[in-house]
Amino acid sequence: MAVRSSNDFQLVIPERGERVKINAGSTLTVSCHLSPALSAVDMEITWFNKAFCVCTYKNREKIGYEGRASLFIHDLPRGNVSLRVADFRESDLGVYICQVTSKNKTQQITVNVAEEVSDISKDKRFVTVDYNDKRNENFQLVVHSTTPEFSLGSDLIIPCHLSPEISAVDMEISWSNDTARVCLNKDRQVTEGVLFKDRASSFTHKLREGNVSLQLKNFRLSDIGNYHCQVISKDRREKITVRMRINPGVPTCKSVTDIRRSKLLPINAT
């Protein structure tokens, strides 16, 4: 059985920001986990705020600032590297950076803790924890070289994933063939092409894992041809082409026989 390297991990934060009621003296939690849920017991974990070190965990020992910042030590075996700040103060607002090092690999992620001024009143104040992943999104689209054969009338999955497996939830994902759009996932909404109404879909529940595959129901002869997947994230765009064809001599079809990759970075490049 293959053993996963302790270096093979990503930092994961909630998809959306958290809006929490907090008063002076309350405890603030800034969530962050390893994916997969590897043990962080022997890793080095550092949280920064406004360029200052807030909390450091190294050699199984924790060093906090003013005794207010800490980690969830009992949860480190499950990959929980979240930060807890006790006795919350207005000066604690701002950008936080979590940096985790295991052997020769370092990952970091950014979170913004800001106050919603419009919601401040005499008896309450709200703080928004804006989970904004600042990692460099240097990803590629990956398609398996071969997939199982399938028959006309059956459902077909054209597998496509981001590498590394970063979240595609907020990315624009477009599938098309040589003549028409098949499926578009934009602003967290999925729209089917006119010619693929009620037949094309994406795996929205797996976007967090970087799965941008396409599913076609009731595959037809007219569906045979080239399929183009394009993923856009901020100033980066990746595109890959997959060819669907009839398998000669066999009453079935074959997918992913020809892969062509286009790499465009940045979008506004001439």
C-alpha atoms as a PDB file:
ATOM      1  CA  MET A   1       0.000   0.000   0.000  1.00  0.00           C
ATOM      2  CA  ALA A   2       1.370   3.421  -0.952  1.00  0.00           C
ATOM      3  CA  VAL A   3       2.069   5.788   1.925  1.00  0.00           C
ATOM      4  CA  ARG A   4       1.230   9.460   1.381  1.00  0.00           C
ATOM      5  CA  SER A   5       4.165  11.773   2.004  1.00  0.00           C
ATOM      6  CA  SER A   6       3.803  14.216   4.883  1.00  0.00           C
ATOM      7  CA  ASN A   7       4.880  16.876   2.383  1.00  0.00           C
ATOM      8  CA  ASP A   8       1.846  16.274   0.179  1.00  0.00           C
ATOM      9  CA  PHE A   9      -0.696  18.691   1.660  1.00  0.00           C
ATOM     10  CA  GLN A  10      -2.519  21.959   1.050  1.00  0.00           C
ATOM     11  CA  LEU A  11      -3.887  24.543   3.468  1.00  0.00           C
ATOM     12  CA  VAL A  12      -7.673  24.715   3.362  1.00  0.00           C
ATOM     13  CA  ILE A  13      -9.940  27.489   4.623  1.00  0.00           C
ATOM     14  CA  PRO A  14     -13.747  27.807   4.526  1.00  0.00           C
ATOM     15  CA  GLU A  15     -15.194  28.581   1.089  1.00  0.00           C
ATOM     16  CA  ARG A  16     -16.970  31.680   2.289  1.00  0.00           C
ATOM     17  CA  GLY A  17     -16.322  34.299   4.921  1.00  0.00           C
ATOM     18  CA  GLU A  18     -17.728  34.018   8.404  1.00  0.00           C
ATOM     19  CA  ARG A  19     -19.714  36.828   9.993  1.00  0.00           C
ATOM     20  CA  VAL A  20     -19.468  36.528  13.753  1.00  0.00           C
ATOM     21  CA  LYS A  21     -20.614  38.662  16.655  1.00  0.00           C
ATOM     22  CA  ILE A  22     -17.672  39.534  18.837  1.00  0.00           C
ATOM     23  CA  ASN A  23     -17.104  41.893  21.711  1.00  0.00           C
ATOM     24  CA  ALA A  24     -13.966  43.173  23.380  1.00  0.00           C
ATOM     25  CA  GLY A  25     -12.641  40.358  25.499  1.00  0.00           C
ATOM     26  CA  SER A  26     -14.227  37.598  23.387  1.00  0.00           C
ATOM     27  CA  THR A  27     -12.288  34.778  21.712  1.00  0.00           C
ATOM     28  CA  LEU A  28     -11.759  34.817  17.931  1.00  0.00           C
ATOM     29  CA  THR A  29     -11.075  31.636  15.937  1.00  0.00           C
ATOM     30  CA  VAL A  30      -9.477  31.844  12.482  1.00  0.00           C
ATOM     31  CA  SER A  31     -10.045  28.451  10.828  1.00  0.00           C
ATOM     32  CA  CYS A  32      -7.408  26.603   8.786  1.00  0.00           C
ATOM     33  CA  HIS A  33      -6.844  22.888   8.146  1.00  0.00           C
ATOM     34  CA  LEU A  34      -4.497  20.608   6.257  1.00  0.00           C
ATOM     35  CA  SER A  35      -5.864  18.717   3.263  1.00  0.00           C
ATOM     36  CA  PRO A  36      -5.676  15.771   3.398  1.00  0.00           C
ATOM     37  CA  ALA A  37      -6.080  15.723   7.196  1.00  0.00           C
ATOM     38  CA  LEU A  38      -2.474  14.783   7.965  1.00  0.00           C
ATOM     39  CA  SER A  39      -1.067  15.129  11.453  1.00  0.00           C
ATOM     40  CA  ALA A  40       0.553  18.539  12.026  1.00  0.00           C
ATOM     41  CA  VAL A  41       2.130  17.517  15.330  1.00  0.00           C
ATOM     42  CA  ASP A  42       5.672  17.492  13.919  1.00  0.00           C
ATOM     43  CA  MET A  43       5.238  20.437  11.535  1.00  0.00           C
ATOM     44  CA  GLU A  44       6.222  24.064  12.073  1.00  0.00           C
ATOM     45  CA  ILE A  45       3.179  26.374  12.231  1.00  0.00           C
ATOM     46  CA  THR A  46       3.400  30.156  12.295  1.00  0.00           C
ATOM     47  CA  TRP A  47       0.640  32.773  12.259  1.00  0.00           C
ATOM     48  CA  PHE A  48       1.420  36.388  11.373  1.00  0.00           C
ATOM     49  CA  ASN A  49      -0.674  39.545  11.772  1.00  0.00           C
ATOM     50  CA  LYS A  50       0.394  42.835  10.169  1.00  0.00           C
ATOM     51  CA  ALA A  51       3.855  41.371   9.537  1.00  0.00           C
ATOM     52  CA  PHE A  52       4.270  40.505  13.222  1.00  0.00           C
ATOM     53  CA  CYS A  53       4.520  36.945  14.476  1.00  0.00           C
ATOM     54  CA  VAL A  54       1.399  36.099  16.477  1.00  0.00           C
ATOM     55  CA  CYS A  55       2.016  32.475  17.346  1.00  0.00           C
ATOM     56  CA  THR A  56       4.671  29.884  16.525  1.00  0.00           C
ATOM     57  CA  TYR A  57       4.565  26.144  17.054  1.00  0.00           C
ATOM     58  CA  LYS A  58       7.879  24.361  16.541  1.00  0.00           C
ATOM     59  CA  ASN A  59       9.477  21.186  17.877  1.00  0.00           C
ATOM     60  CA  ARG A  60       6.148  20.411  19.592  1.00  0.00           C
ATOM     61  CA  GLU A  61       6.286  23.658  21.573  1.00  0.00           C
ATOM     62  CA  LYS A  62       4.102  26.748  21.229  1.00  0.00           C
ATOM     63  CA  ILE A  63       5.262  30.348  21.563  1.00  0.00           C
ATOM     64  CA  GLY A  64       2.399  32.874  21.698  1.00  0.00           C
ATOM     65  CA  TYR A  65       2.285  36.634  21.990  1.00  0.00           C
ATOM     66  CA  GLU A  66       1.047  38.181  25.231  1.00  0.00           C
ATOM     67  CA  GLY A  67      -0.297  34.755  26.097  1.00  0.00           C
ATOM     68  CA  ARG A  68      -3.453  35.441  24.049  1.00  0.00           C
ATOM     69  CA  ALA A  69      -2.750  33.489  20.842  1.00  0.00           C
ATOM     70  CA  SER A  70      -2.803  29.706  20.728  1.00  0.00           C
ATOM     71  CA  LEU A  71      -3.437  26.686  18.527  1.00  0.00           C
ATOM     72  CA  PHE A  72      -5.797  23.762  19.045  1.00  0.00           C
ATOM     73  CA  ILE A  73      -3.000  21.473  20.204  1.00  0.00           C
ATOM     74  CA  HIS A  74      -5.311  18.503  20.822  1.00  0.00           C
ATOM     75  CA  ASP A  75      -6.546  18.785  17.216  1.00  0.00           C
ATOM     76  CA  LEU A  76      -3.135  18.934  15.510  1.00  0.00           C
ATOM     77  CA  PRO A  77      -3.166  15.135  14.852  1.00  0.00           C
ATOM     78  CA  ARG A  78      -6.258  15.761  12.691  1.00  0.00           C
ATOM     79  CA  GLY A  79      -4.613  18.552  10.700  1.00  0.00           C
ATOM     80  CA  ASN A  80      -6.343  21.438  12.481  1.00  0.00           C
ATOM     81  CA  VAL A  81      -3.913  24.381  12.453  1.00  0.00           C
ATOM     82  CA  SER A  82      -6.519  27.052  13.295  1.00  0.00           C
ATOM     83  CA  LEU A  83      -5.598  30.111  15.356  1.00  0.00           C
ATOM     84  CA  ARG A  84      -7.400  31.152  18.544  1.00  0.00           C
ATOM     85  CA  VAL A  85      -7.032  34.711  19.845  1.00  0.00           C
ATOM     86  CA  ALA A  86      -8.325  35.307  23.370  1.00  0.00           C
ATOM     87  CA  ASP A  87      -9.292  38.679  24.843  1.00  0.00           C
ATOM     88  CA  PHE A  88     -10.041  40.095  21.373  1.00  0.00           C
ATOM     89  CA  ARG A  89      -9.104  43.755  20.853  1.00  0.00           C
ATOM     90  CA  GLU A  90      -9.649  46.226  18.048  1.00  0.00           C
ATOM     91  CA  SER A  91      -5.917  46.134  17.324  1.00  0.00           C
ATOM     92  CA  ASP A  92      -6.306  42.441  16.436  1.00  0.00           C
ATOM     93  CA  LEU A  93      -8.174  43.335  13.232  1.00  0.00           C
ATOM     94  CA  GLY A  94      -6.288  42.994   9.949  1.00  0.00           C
ATOM     95  CA  VAL A  95      -4.648  40.437   7.670  1.00  0.00           C
ATOM     96  CA  TYR A  96      -3.496  37.113   9.088  1.00  0.00           C
ATOM     97  CA  ILE A  97      -1.123  34.712   7.361  1.00  0.00           C
ATOM     98  CA  CYS A  98      -0.824  31.058   8.282  1.00  0.00           C
ATOM     99  CA  GLN A  99       2.429  29.369   7.261  1.00  0.00           C
ATOM    100  CA  VAL A 100       2.997  25.632   7.688  1.00  0.00           C
ATOM    101  CA  THR A 101       6.300  23.873   7.011  1.00  0.00           C
ATOM    102  CA  SER A 102       6.866  20.131   6.807  1.00  0.00           C
ATOM    103  CA  LYS A 103      10.400  19.038   5.990  1.00  0.00           C
ATOM    104  CA  ASN A 104      11.298  21.005   2.837  1.00  0.00           C
ATOM    105  CA  LYS A 105       7.781  22.113   1.873  1.00  0.00           C
ATOM    106  CA  THR A 106       6.095  25.327   3.019  1.00  0.00           C
ATOM    107  CA  GLN A 107       2.484  26.344   2.369  1.00  0.00           C
ATOM    108  CA  GLN A 108       0.858  29.616   3.350  1.00  0.00           C
ATOM    109  CA  ILE A 109      -2.590  31.152   3.153  1.00  0.00           C
ATOM    110  CA  THR A 110      -4.075  34.590   3.928  1.00  0.00           C
ATOM    111  CA  VAL A 111      -7.180  35.537   5.913  1.00  0.00           C
ATOM    112  CA  ASN A 112      -8.584  39.035   6.435  1.00  0.00           C
ATOM    113  CA  VAL A 113     -10.349  39.863   9.709  1.00  0.00           C
ATOM    114  CA  ALA A 114     -12.292  43.102   9.229  1.00  0.00           C
ATOM    115  CA  GLU A 115     -15.000  44.922  11.137  1.00  0.00           C
ATOM    116  CA  GLU A 116     -18.339  45.715   9.500  1.00  0.00           C
ATOM    117  CA  VAL A 117     -18.584  49.371  10.414  1.00  0.00           C
ATOM    118  CA  SER A 118     -22.193  49.666   9.258  1.00  0.00           C
ATOM    119  CA  ASP A 119     -23.274  47.095  11.830  1.00  0.00           C
ATOM    120  CA  ILE A 120     -21.683  48.705  14.842  1.00  0.00           C
ATOM    121  CA  SER A 121     -24.093  49.790  17.563  1.00  0.00           C
ATOM    122  CA  LYS A 122     -23.832  50.491  21.248  1.00  0.00           C
ATOM    123  CA  ASP A 123     -24.534  46.914  22.242  1.00  0.00           C
ATOM    124  CA  LYS A 124     -23.031  44.885  19.428  1.00  0.00           C
ATOM    125  CA  ARG A 125     -20.331  44.827  16.767  1.00  0.00           C
ATOM    126  CA  PHE A 126     -19.784  42.303  14.006  1.00  0.00           C
ATOM    127  CA  VAL A 127     -16.472  41.072  12.659  1.00  0.00           C
ATOM    128  CA  THR A 128     -16.178  39.484   9.228  1.00  0.00           C
ATOM    129  CA  VAL A 129     -13.557  36.793   8.740  1.00  0.00           C
ATOM    130  CA  ASP A 130     -12.878  36.986   5.008  1.00  0.00           C
ATOM    131  CA  TYR A 131     -11.212  33.781   3.867  1.00  0.00           C
ATOM    132  CA  ASN A 132      -9.156  34.997   0.920  1.00  0.00           C
ATOM    133  CA  ASP A 133      -6.688  32.445  -0.411  1.00  0.00           C
ATOM    134  CA  LYS A 134      -3.647  34.321  -1.723  1.00  0.00           C
ATOM    135  CA  ARG A 135      -1.717  31.269  -2.889  1.00  0.00           C
ATOM    136  CA  ASN A 136      -0.241  31.418  -6.344  1.00  0.00           C
ATOM    137  CA  GLU A 137      -2.773  29.581  -8.495  1.00  0.00           C
ATOM    138  CA  ASN A 138      -0.271  27.916 -10.785  1.00  0.00           C
ATOM    139  CA  PHE A 139      -2.439  25.030 -11.862  1.00  0.00           C
ATOM    140  CA  GLN A 140      -2.738  22.781 -14.883  1.00  0.00           C
ATOM    141  CA  LEU A 141      -5.634  20.827 -16.301  1.00  0.00           C
ATOM    142  CA  VAL A 142      -5.088  17.084 -16.149  1.00  0.00           C
ATOM    143  CA  VAL A 143      -6.999  14.408 -18.105  1.00  0.00           C
ATOM    144  CA  HIS A 144      -6.410  10.678 -17.841  1.00  0.00           C
ATOM    145  CA  SER A 145      -4.935   9.240 -21.047  1.00  0.00           C
ATOM    146  CA  THR A 146      -7.564   6.486 -21.192  1.00  0.00           C
ATOM    147  CA  THR A 147     -11.030   5.905 -19.766  1.00  0.00           C
ATOM    148  CA  PRO A 148     -13.410   2.910 -19.916  1.00  0.00           C
ATOM    149  CA  GLU A 149     -15.361   2.302 -23.109  1.00  0.00           C
ATOM    150  CA  PHE A 150     -18.994   3.327 -23.150  1.00  0.00           C
ATOM    151  CA  SER A 151     -22.045   2.666 -25.291  1.00  0.00           C
ATOM    152  CA  LEU A 152     -24.375   5.025 -27.118  1.00  0.00           C
ATOM    153  CA  GLY A 153     -27.262   5.954 -24.876  1.00  0.00           C
ATOM    154  CA  SER A 154     -25.212   5.613 -21.709  1.00  0.00           C
ATOM    155  CA  ASP A 155     -23.916   8.399 -19.489  1.00  0.00           C
ATOM    156  CA  LEU A 156     -20.391   9.618 -20.141  1.00  0.00           C
ATOM    157  CA  ILE A 157     -17.936  11.334 -17.824  1.00  0.00           C
ATOM    158  CA  ILE A 158     -15.022  13.235 -19.334  1.00  0.00           C
ATOM    159  CA  PRO A 159     -12.638  13.448 -16.369  1.00  0.00           C
ATOM    160  CA  CYS A 160     -10.659  16.645 -15.874  1.00  0.00           C
ATOM    161  CA  HIS A 161      -8.962  17.906 -12.718  1.00  0.00           C
ATOM    162  CA  LEU A 162      -6.816  20.781 -11.524  1.00  0.00           C
ATOM    163  CA  SER A 163      -3.264  19.948 -10.560  1.00  0.00           C
ATOM    164  CA  PRO A 164      -2.500  20.658  -7.765  1.00  0.00           C
ATOM    165  CA  GLU A 165      -5.971  19.970  -6.372  1.00  0.00           C
ATOM    166  CA  ILE A 166      -6.897  23.539  -5.439  1.00  0.00           C
ATOM    167  CA  SER A 167     -10.512  24.643  -5.150  1.00  0.00           C
ATOM    168  CA  ALA A 168     -12.321  25.551  -8.385  1.00  0.00           C
ATOM    169  CA  VAL A 169     -15.438  26.831  -6.608  1.00  0.00           C
ATOM    170  CA  ASP A 170     -14.870  30.463  -7.595  1.00  0.00           C
ATOM    171  CA  MET A 171     -13.374  29.765 -11.021  1.00  0.00           C
ATOM    172  CA  GLU A 172     -15.107  29.987 -14.386  1.00  0.00           C
ATOM    173  CA  ILE A 173     -15.326  26.548 -16.005  1.00  0.00           C
ATOM    174  CA  SER A 174     -16.434  26.246 -19.616  1.00  0.00           C
ATOM    175  CA  TRP A 175     -16.924  23.076 -21.666  1.00  0.00           C
ATOM    176  CA  SER A 176     -17.563  23.277 -25.429  1.00  0.00           C
ATOM    177  CA  ASN A 177     -17.206  21.182 -28.562  1.00  0.00           C
ATOM    178  CA  ASP A 178     -16.114  22.416 -31.983  1.00  0.00           C
ATOM    179  CA  THR A 179     -19.507  23.975 -32.738  1.00  0.00           C
ATOM    180  CA  ALA A 180     -21.312  24.894 -29.521  1.00  0.00           C
ATOM    181  CA  ARG A 181     -21.096  25.454 -25.796  1.00  0.00           C
ATOM    182  CA  VAL A 182     -21.826  22.390 -23.719  1.00  0.00           C
ATOM    183  CA  CYS A 183     -21.789  23.641 -20.137  1.00  0.00           C
ATOM    184  CA  LEU A 184     -20.733  26.798 -18.263  1.00  0.00           C
ATOM    185  CA  ASN A 185     -20.085  27.111 -14.533  1.00  0.00           C
ATOM    186  CA  LYS A 186     -19.733  30.799 -13.650  1.00  0.00           C
ATOM    187  CA  ASP A 187     -20.434  32.755 -10.465  1.00  0.00           C
ATOM    188  CA  ARG A 188     -21.377  29.447  -8.819  1.00  0.00           C
ATOM    189  CA  GLN A 189     -24.185  28.838 -11.326  1.00  0.00           C
ATOM    190  CA  VAL A 190     -24.296  26.114 -13.983  1.00  0.00           C
ATOM    191  CA  THR A 191     -25.777  26.840 -17.423  1.00  0.00           C
ATOM    192  CA  GLU A 192     -26.237  24.190 -20.109  1.00  0.00           C
ATOM    193  CA  GLY A 193     -25.757  24.884 -23.804  1.00  0.00           C
ATOM    194  CA  VAL A 194     -28.902  24.971 -25.938  1.00  0.00           C
ATOM    195  CA  LEU A 195     -27.990  21.740 -27.744  1.00  0.00           C
ATOM    196  CA  PHE A 196     -27.211  19.991 -24.439  1.00  0.00           C
ATOM    197  CA  LYS A 197     -30.251  21.033 -22.416  1.00  0.00           C
ATOM    198  CA  ASP A 198     -30.945  18.585 -19.543  1.00  0.00           C
ATOM    199  CA  ARG A 199     -27.937  16.440 -20.589  1.00  0.00           C
ATOM    200  CA  ALA A 200     -24.802  18.301 -19.534  1.00  0.00           C
ATOM    201  CA  SER A 201     -23.708  18.873 -15.947  1.00  0.00           C
ATOM    202  CA  SER A 202     -20.652  19.333 -13.750  1.00  0.00           C
ATOM    203  CA  PHE A 203     -19.734  17.886 -10.367  1.00  0.00           C
ATOM    204  CA  THR A 204     -20.383  21.011  -8.301  1.00  0.00           C
ATOM    205  CA  HIS A 205     -20.025  19.096  -5.031  1.00  0.00           C
ATOM    206  CA  LYS A 206     -16.467  18.149  -6.008  1.00  0.00           C
ATOM    207  CA  LEU A 207     -15.218  21.542  -7.223  1.00  0.00           C
ATOM    208  CA  ARG A 208     -13.561  22.081  -3.865  1.00  0.00           C
ATOM    209  CA  GLU A 209     -11.283  19.148  -4.734  1.00  0.00           C
ATOM    210  CA  GLY A 210     -10.385  20.613  -8.136  1.00  0.00           C
ATOM    211  CA  ASN A 211     -12.705  18.256 -10.056  1.00  0.00           C
ATOM    212  CA  VAL A 212     -13.943  20.109 -13.183  1.00  0.00           C
ATOM    213  CA  SER A 213     -15.122  16.992 -15.072  1.00  0.00           C
ATOM    214  CA  LEU A 214     -18.055  17.024 -17.493  1.00  0.00           C
ATOM    215  CA  GLN A 215     -20.959  14.573 -17.448  1.00  0.00           C
ATOM    216  CA  LEU A 216     -23.094  13.920 -20.527  1.00  0.00           C
ATOM    217  CA  LYS A 217     -26.307  11.957 -20.221  1.00  0.00           C
ATOM    218  CA  ASN A 218     -27.639   9.747 -23.026  1.00  0.00           C
ATOM    219  CA  PHE A 219     -24.543   9.948 -25.223  1.00  0.00           C
ATOM    220  CA  ARG A 220     -25.360  10.234 -28.946  1.00  0.00           C
ATOM    221  CA  LEU A 221     -23.467   9.766 -32.220  1.00  0.00           C
ATOM    222  CA  SER A 222     -23.659  13.528 -32.725  1.00  0.00           C
ATOM    223  CA  ASP A 223     -21.698  13.971 -29.480  1.00  0.00           C
ATOM    224  CA  ILE A 224     -18.568  12.395 -30.976  1.00  0.00           C
ATOM    225  CA  GLY A 225     -15.785  14.912 -31.568  1.00  0.00           C
ATOM    226  CA  ASN A 226     -13.505  17.302 -29.709  1.00  0.00           C
ATOM    227  CA  TYR A 227     -14.324  18.707 -26.292  1.00  0.00           C
ATOM    228  CA  HIS A 228     -12.567  21.775 -24.907  1.00  0.00           C
ATOM    229  CA  CYS A 229     -12.352  22.554 -21.201  1.00  0.00           C
ATOM    230  CA  GLN A 230     -11.310  26.081 -20.244  1.00  0.00           C
ATOM    231  CA  VAL A 231     -10.778  27.194 -16.653  1.00  0.00           C
ATOM    232  CA  ILE A 232     -10.324  30.858 -15.742  1.00  0.00           C
ATOM    233  CA  SER A 233      -9.138  32.075 -12.343  1.00  0.00           C
ATOM    234  CA  LYS A 234      -8.391  35.770 -11.880  1.00  0.00           C
ATOM    235  CA  ASP A 235      -5.593  36.474 -14.392  1.00  0.00           C
ATOM    236  CA  ARG A 236      -4.927  32.866 -15.288  1.00  0.00           C
ATOM    237  CA  ARG A 237      -6.515  30.712 -17.967  1.00  0.00           C
ATOM    238  CA  GLU A 238      -5.898  27.062 -18.844  1.00  0.00           C
ATOM    239  CA  LYS A 239      -7.436  25.089 -21.698  1.00  0.00           C
ATOM    240  CA  ILE A 240      -7.286  21.444 -22.702  1.00  0.00           C
ATOM    241  CA  THR A 241      -8.875  19.475 -25.565  1.00  0.00           C
ATOM    242  CA  VAL A 242     -10.181  15.920 -25.372  1.00  0.00           C
ATOM    243  CA  ARG A 243     -11.136  13.895 -28.457  1.00  0.00           C
ATOM    244  CA  MET A 244     -14.071  11.464 -28.437  1.00  0.00           C
ATOM    245  CA  ARG A 245     -14.155   8.850 -31.198  1.00  0.00           C
ATOM    246  CA  ILE A 246     -15.632   5.516 -32.270  1.00  0.00           C
ATOM    247  CA  ASN A 247     -13.460   2.556 -31.354  1.00  0.00           C
ATOM    248  CA  PRO A 248     -12.924   0.707 -34.696  1.00  0.00           C
ATOM    249  CA  GLY A 249     -14.311  -2.815 -34.811  1.00  0.00           C
ATOM    250  CA  VAL A 250     -16.102  -2.486 -31.477  1.00  0.00           C
ATOM    251  CA  PRO A 251     -19.735  -1.333 -31.038  1.00  0.00           C
ATOM    252  CA  THR A 252     -18.676   1.094 -28.347  1.00  0.00           C
ATOM    253  CA  CYS A 253     -16.987   4.488 -28.148  1.00  0.00           C
ATOM    254  CA  LYS A 254     -13.667   5.469 -26.708  1.00  0.00           C
ATOM    255  CA  SER A 255     -12.779   8.721 -24.960  1.00  0.00           C
ATOM    256  CA  VAL A 256      -9.618  10.695 -24.331  1.00  0.00           C
ATOM    257  CA  THR A 257      -7.597   9.406 -27.255  1.00  0.00           C
ATOM    258  CA  ASP A 258      -6.034  12.736 -28.091  1.00  0.00           C
ATOM    259  CA  ILE A 259      -5.171  15.497 -25.634  1.00  0.00           C
ATOM    260  CA  ARG A 260      -4.072  18.987 -26.666  1.00  0.00           C
ATOM    261  CA  ARG A 261      -3.173  21.570 -24.078  1.00  0.00           C
ATOM    262  CA  SER A 262      -3.256  25.349 -24.418  1.00  0.00           C
ATOM    263  CA  LYS A 263      -1.658  27.449 -21.708  1.00  0.00           C
ATOM    264  CA  LEU A 264      -2.459  31.149 -21.574  1.00  0.00           C
ATOM    265  CA  LEU A 265      -1.073  33.327 -18.796  1.00  0.00           C
ATOM    266  CA  PRO A 266      -2.065  36.018 -18.209  1.00  0.00           C
ATOM    267  CA  ILE A 267      -5.443  36.543 -19.879  1.00  0.00           C
ATOM    268  CA  ASN A 268      -4.590  40.007 -21.145  1.00  0.00           C
ATOM    269  CA  ALA A 269      -1.344  38.909 -22.763  1.00  0.00           C
ATOM    270  CA  THR A 270      -1.010  39.865 -26.421  1.00  0.00           C
END
